[in-house]
Amino acid sequence: MKAQMFVVTPDDRAPALNVLGTDVTVLASNAATGSYEITLQRGGEGLGAPPHSHDWDESFYVLQGGVEFTCAGQTRVCGPGTLVHVPAGTVHGFRYAAGGGEMLEFTGQGGLATQLFSDLDSNIPPGPPDFPTLLAVLEKNAVQLAACDGPAHRKEIAA
């Protein structure tokens, strides 16, 4: 099926999904574009994604606030106007810095991010997640959680 032109205005957007405390608004799914995905993500200080990997490229563009990215073992706090590209298969994670942040996320062809976010919103209620359910949702969507490296990491996942 050939992708069709579309326009998404603020009035047209679906409500934000709650993805482990982060508000994720799907702007374009790969079903709509025929290849890539775009989401708008907003989170409070300390929230974010624990270290993980998947088989699709992903890029983030910080719009507001700060976001601390860890990618391939390197950590960097990124402010507005910063683009972070993560190649497929790379272990990465992020958390919103003091005051929270907002960013756009772009996935490469074959990404399952919007499906993952919808599944997390549907299956993981607010608050500390049920780990067996969380792991099952991640596995279903081809996301591998990286090895936990101690209490700080476990706290990040539970946030």
C-alpha atoms as a PDB file:
ATOM      1  CA  MET A   1       0.000   0.000   0.000  1.00  0.00           C
ATOM      2  CA  LYS A   2       1.369   3.389  -0.978  1.00  0.00           C
ATOM      3  CA  ALA A   3       1.526   5.983   1.826  1.00  0.00           C
ATOM      4  CA  GLN A   4      -0.754   8.984   1.396  1.00  0.00           C
ATOM      5  CA  MET A   5      -0.036  12.624   2.195  1.00  0.00           C
ATOM      6  CA  PHE A   6      -1.386  13.674   5.585  1.00  0.00           C
ATOM      7  CA  VAL A   7      -1.344  16.648   7.941  1.00  0.00           C
ATOM      8  CA  VAL A   8      -1.558  16.393  11.739  1.00  0.00           C
ATOM      9  CA  THR A   9      -2.529  19.566  13.578  1.00  0.00           C
ATOM     10  CA  PRO A  10      -2.656  19.896  17.372  1.00  0.00           C
ATOM     11  CA  ASP A  11      -6.445  19.454  17.134  1.00  0.00           C
ATOM     12  CA  ASP A  12      -6.047  16.215  15.123  1.00  0.00           C
ATOM     13  CA  ARG A  13      -3.629  14.460  17.437  1.00  0.00           C
ATOM     14  CA  ALA A  14      -4.659  11.411  19.387  1.00  0.00           C
ATOM     15  CA  PRO A  15      -4.400  11.825  23.162  1.00  0.00           C
ATOM     16  CA  ALA A  16      -0.947  11.283  24.634  1.00  0.00           C
ATOM     17  CA  LEU A  17      -0.098   7.770  25.756  1.00  0.00           C
ATOM     18  CA  ASN A  18       1.259   7.183  29.266  1.00  0.00           C
ATOM     19  CA  VAL A  19       4.508   5.301  28.707  1.00  0.00           C
ATOM     20  CA  LEU A  20       5.967   4.578  32.140  1.00  0.00           C
ATOM     21  CA  GLY A  21       5.181   8.161  33.218  1.00  0.00           C
ATOM     22  CA  THR A  22       6.232   9.864  29.977  1.00  0.00           C
ATOM     23  CA  ASP A  23       3.543  11.453  27.776  1.00  0.00           C
ATOM     24  CA  VAL A  24       4.020  10.171  24.219  1.00  0.00           C
ATOM     25  CA  THR A  25       1.962  11.624  21.376  1.00  0.00           C
ATOM     26  CA  VAL A  26       2.101   9.663  18.131  1.00  0.00           C
ATOM     27  CA  LEU A  27       2.424  12.148  15.281  1.00  0.00           C
ATOM     28  CA  ALA A  28       3.109   9.594  12.531  1.00  0.00           C
ATOM     29  CA  SER A  29       3.140   5.803  12.730  1.00  0.00           C
ATOM     30  CA  ASN A  30       4.965   3.609  10.240  1.00  0.00           C
ATOM     31  CA  ALA A  31       1.524   2.406   9.115  1.00  0.00           C
ATOM     32  CA  ALA A  32       0.739   6.006   8.069  1.00  0.00           C
ATOM     33  CA  THR A  33       4.137   6.841   6.520  1.00  0.00           C
ATOM     34  CA  GLY A  34       4.995   3.470   5.041  1.00  0.00           C
ATOM     35  CA  SER A  35       8.398   3.556   6.760  1.00  0.00           C
ATOM     36  CA  TYR A  36       9.399   5.831   9.680  1.00  0.00           C
ATOM     37  CA  GLU A  37       7.639   7.006  12.869  1.00  0.00           C
ATOM     38  CA  ILE A  38       7.543  10.339  14.720  1.00  0.00           C
ATOM     39  CA  THR A  39       6.469  10.901  18.319  1.00  0.00           C
ATOM     40  CA  LEU A  40       6.414  13.899  20.657  1.00  0.00           C
ATOM     41  CA  GLN A  41       7.603  12.955  24.150  1.00  0.00           C
ATOM     42  CA  ARG A  42       7.314  14.956  27.389  1.00  0.00           C
ATOM     43  CA  GLY A  43       8.547  13.842  30.762  1.00  0.00           C
ATOM     44  CA  GLY A  44       9.218  15.082  34.249  1.00  0.00           C
ATOM     45  CA  GLU A  45      12.592  15.165  35.934  1.00  0.00           C
ATOM     46  CA  GLY A  46      14.079  11.692  36.395  1.00  0.00           C
ATOM     47  CA  LEU A  47      11.635   9.898  34.089  1.00  0.00           C
ATOM     48  CA  GLY A  48      12.772   8.195  30.912  1.00  0.00           C
ATOM     49  CA  ALA A  49      13.735   4.938  29.269  1.00  0.00           C
ATOM     50  CA  PRO A  50      16.168   2.523  30.926  1.00  0.00           C
ATOM     51  CA  PRO A  51      19.068   1.151  28.879  1.00  0.00           C
ATOM     52  CA  HIS A  52      17.732  -0.997  26.066  1.00  0.00           C
ATOM     53  CA  SER A  53      18.291  -1.890  22.415  1.00  0.00           C
ATOM     54  CA  HIS A  54      16.215  -2.743  19.351  1.00  0.00           C
ATOM     55  CA  ASP A  55      16.667  -3.456  15.653  1.00  0.00           C
ATOM     56  CA  TRP A  56      15.743  -0.015  14.312  1.00  0.00           C
ATOM     57  CA  ASP A  57      17.529   3.321  14.114  1.00  0.00           C
ATOM     58  CA  GLU A  58      16.211   6.072  16.349  1.00  0.00           C
ATOM     59  CA  SER A  59      16.887   9.799  16.561  1.00  0.00           C
ATOM     60  CA  PHE A  60      15.838  12.330  19.179  1.00  0.00           C
ATOM     61  CA  TYR A  61      15.600  16.106  18.818  1.00  0.00           C
ATOM     62  CA  VAL A  62      15.378  18.001  22.120  1.00  0.00           C
ATOM     63  CA  LEU A  63      12.796  20.806  22.027  1.00  0.00           C
ATOM     64  CA  GLN A  64      12.670  22.019  25.642  1.00  0.00           C
ATOM     65  CA  GLY A  65      14.469  21.412  28.915  1.00  0.00           C
ATOM     66  CA  GLY A  66      17.233  18.869  29.163  1.00  0.00           C
ATOM     67  CA  VAL A  67      17.569  15.172  28.464  1.00  0.00           C
ATOM     68  CA  GLU A  68      20.429  12.991  29.713  1.00  0.00           C
ATOM     69  CA  PHE A  69      21.230  10.392  27.058  1.00  0.00           C
ATOM     70  CA  THR A  70      23.380   7.339  27.603  1.00  0.00           C
ATOM     71  CA  CYS A  71      24.398   5.684  24.364  1.00  0.00           C
ATOM     72  CA  ALA A  72      27.035   2.991  23.899  1.00  0.00           C
ATOM     73  CA  GLY A  73      28.344   3.712  27.413  1.00  0.00           C
ATOM     74  CA  GLN A  74      28.684   7.484  27.006  1.00  0.00           C
ATOM     75  CA  THR A  75      26.410   9.903  28.892  1.00  0.00           C
ATOM     76  CA  ARG A  76      25.647  13.451  27.852  1.00  0.00           C
ATOM     77  CA  VAL A  77      23.070  16.043  28.944  1.00  0.00           C
ATOM     78  CA  CYS A  78      21.481  17.566  25.844  1.00  0.00           C
ATOM     79  CA  GLY A  79      19.592  20.851  25.660  1.00  0.00           C
ATOM     80  CA  PRO A  80      17.175  22.352  23.135  1.00  0.00           C
ATOM     81  CA  GLY A  81      18.334  22.116  19.541  1.00  0.00           C
ATOM     82  CA  THR A  82      20.382  18.942  20.105  1.00  0.00           C
ATOM     83  CA  LEU A  83      19.946  15.907  17.847  1.00  0.00           C
ATOM     84  CA  VAL A  84      20.971  12.456  19.099  1.00  0.00           C
ATOM     85  CA  HIS A  85      21.120   9.570  16.596  1.00  0.00           C
ATOM     86  CA  VAL A  86      21.157   5.979  17.850  1.00  0.00           C
ATOM     87  CA  PRO A  87      21.984   3.245  15.308  1.00  0.00           C
ATOM     88  CA  ALA A  88      20.000  -0.002  15.401  1.00  0.00           C
ATOM     89  CA  GLY A  89      21.291  -2.487  17.982  1.00  0.00           C
ATOM     90  CA  THR A  90      22.990   0.148  20.173  1.00  0.00           C
ATOM     91  CA  VAL A  91      22.284   0.041  23.914  1.00  0.00           C
ATOM     92  CA  HIS A  92      20.840   3.416  24.889  1.00  0.00           C
ATOM     93  CA  GLY A  93      18.565   5.064  27.424  1.00  0.00           C
ATOM     94  CA  PHE A  94      17.615   8.509  28.612  1.00  0.00           C
ATOM     95  CA  ARG A  95      16.119  10.433  31.480  1.00  0.00           C
ATOM     96  CA  TYR A  96      14.742  13.929  31.642  1.00  0.00           C
ATOM     97  CA  ALA A  97      16.985  16.397  33.478  1.00  0.00           C
ATOM     98  CA  ALA A  98      16.007  18.979  36.127  1.00  0.00           C
ATOM     99  CA  GLY A  99      12.682  20.575  35.253  1.00  0.00           C
ATOM    100  CA  GLY A 100      11.800  17.858  32.720  1.00  0.00           C
ATOM    101  CA  GLY A 101      11.960  18.048  28.976  1.00  0.00           C
ATOM    102  CA  GLU A 102      10.325  17.616  25.619  1.00  0.00           C
ATOM    103  CA  MET A 103      11.681  16.000  22.457  1.00  0.00           C
ATOM    104  CA  LEU A 104      10.745  14.560  19.107  1.00  0.00           C
ATOM    105  CA  GLU A 105      11.617  10.928  18.419  1.00  0.00           C
ATOM    106  CA  PHE A 106      12.095   9.605  14.884  1.00  0.00           C
ATOM    107  CA  THR A 107      12.425   5.887  14.156  1.00  0.00           C
ATOM    108  CA  GLY A 108      13.875   4.246  11.098  1.00  0.00           C
ATOM    109  CA  GLN A 109      12.057   1.912   8.776  1.00  0.00           C
ATOM    110  CA  GLY A 110      10.705  -1.180  10.486  1.00  0.00           C
ATOM    111  CA  GLY A 111      10.514   0.485  13.891  1.00  0.00           C
ATOM    112  CA  LEU A 112       7.993  -0.787  16.395  1.00  0.00           C
ATOM    113  CA  ALA A 113       8.126   2.203  18.756  1.00  0.00           C
ATOM    114  CA  THR A 114       4.544   3.409  18.285  1.00  0.00           C
ATOM    115  CA  GLN A 115       3.227  -0.140  18.693  1.00  0.00           C
ATOM    116  CA  LEU A 116       5.388  -0.549  21.811  1.00  0.00           C
ATOM    117  CA  PHE A 117       4.139   2.737  23.283  1.00  0.00           C
ATOM    118  CA  SER A 118       0.515   1.771  22.680  1.00  0.00           C
ATOM    119  CA  ASP A 119       1.082  -1.649  24.287  1.00  0.00           C
ATOM    120  CA  LEU A 120       2.819  -0.087  27.317  1.00  0.00           C
ATOM    121  CA  ASP A 121      -0.011   2.444  27.735  1.00  0.00           C
ATOM    122  CA  SER A 122      -2.601  -0.365  27.569  1.00  0.00           C
ATOM    123  CA  ASN A 123      -0.821  -2.906  29.774  1.00  0.00           C
ATOM    124  CA  ILE A 124       1.243  -0.974  32.341  1.00  0.00           C
ATOM    125  CA  PRO A 125      -0.764   1.324  34.652  1.00  0.00           C
ATOM    126  CA  PRO A 126       0.841   4.400  36.277  1.00  0.00           C
ATOM    127  CA  GLY A 127       3.183   3.673  39.158  1.00  0.00           C
ATOM    128  CA  PRO A 128       5.890   1.070  39.591  1.00  0.00           C
ATOM    129  CA  PRO A 129       5.510  -1.465  36.766  1.00  0.00           C
ATOM    130  CA  ASP A 130       4.785  -5.153  37.093  1.00  0.00           C
ATOM    131  CA  PHE A 131       8.129  -6.443  35.789  1.00  0.00           C
ATOM    132  CA  PRO A 132       6.920  -9.736  34.234  1.00  0.00           C
ATOM    133  CA  THR A 133       4.257  -7.817  32.282  1.00  0.00           C
ATOM    134  CA  LEU A 134       6.737  -5.099  31.315  1.00  0.00           C
ATOM    135  CA  LEU A 135       9.274  -7.659  30.084  1.00  0.00           C
ATOM    136  CA  ALA A 136       6.579  -9.467  28.081  1.00  0.00           C
ATOM    137  CA  VAL A 137       5.497  -6.222  26.367  1.00  0.00           C
ATOM    138  CA  LEU A 138       9.116  -5.340  25.569  1.00  0.00           C
ATOM    139  CA  GLU A 139       9.803  -8.816  24.168  1.00  0.00           C
ATOM    140  CA  LYS A 140       6.627  -8.730  22.043  1.00  0.00           C
ATOM    141  CA  ASN A 141       7.891  -5.481  20.483  1.00  0.00           C
ATOM    142  CA  ALA A 142      11.491  -6.650  19.888  1.00  0.00           C
ATOM    143  CA  VAL A 143      13.063  -4.501  22.632  1.00  0.00           C
ATOM    144  CA  GLN A 144      15.815  -5.957  24.810  1.00  0.00           C
ATOM    145  CA  LEU A 145      16.369  -4.440  28.235  1.00  0.00           C
ATOM    146  CA  ALA A 146      20.080  -4.059  29.044  1.00  0.00           C
ATOM    147  CA  ALA A 147      21.548  -5.694  32.128  1.00  0.00           C
ATOM    148  CA  CYS A 148      20.746  -3.879  35.359  1.00  0.00           C
ATOM    149  CA  ASP A 149      23.810  -2.274  36.929  1.00  0.00           C
ATOM    150  CA  GLY A 150      22.623  -1.640  40.454  1.00  0.00           C
ATOM    151  CA  PRO A 151      20.079   0.173  42.658  1.00  0.00           C
ATOM    152  CA  ALA A 152      20.140   3.451  40.667  1.00  0.00           C
ATOM    153  CA  HIS A 153      19.230   1.591  37.483  1.00  0.00           C
ATOM    154  CA  ARG A 154      16.431  -0.323  39.212  1.00  0.00           C
ATOM    155  CA  LYS A 155      15.084   2.981  40.548  1.00  0.00           C
ATOM    156  CA  GLU A 156      15.128   4.439  37.003  1.00  0.00           C
ATOM    157  CA  ILE A 157      13.056   1.528  35.667  1.00  0.00           C
ATOM    158  CA  ALA A 158      10.530   1.841  38.513  1.00  0.00           C
ATOM    159  CA  ALA A 159      10.108   5.622  38.146  1.00  0.00           C
END
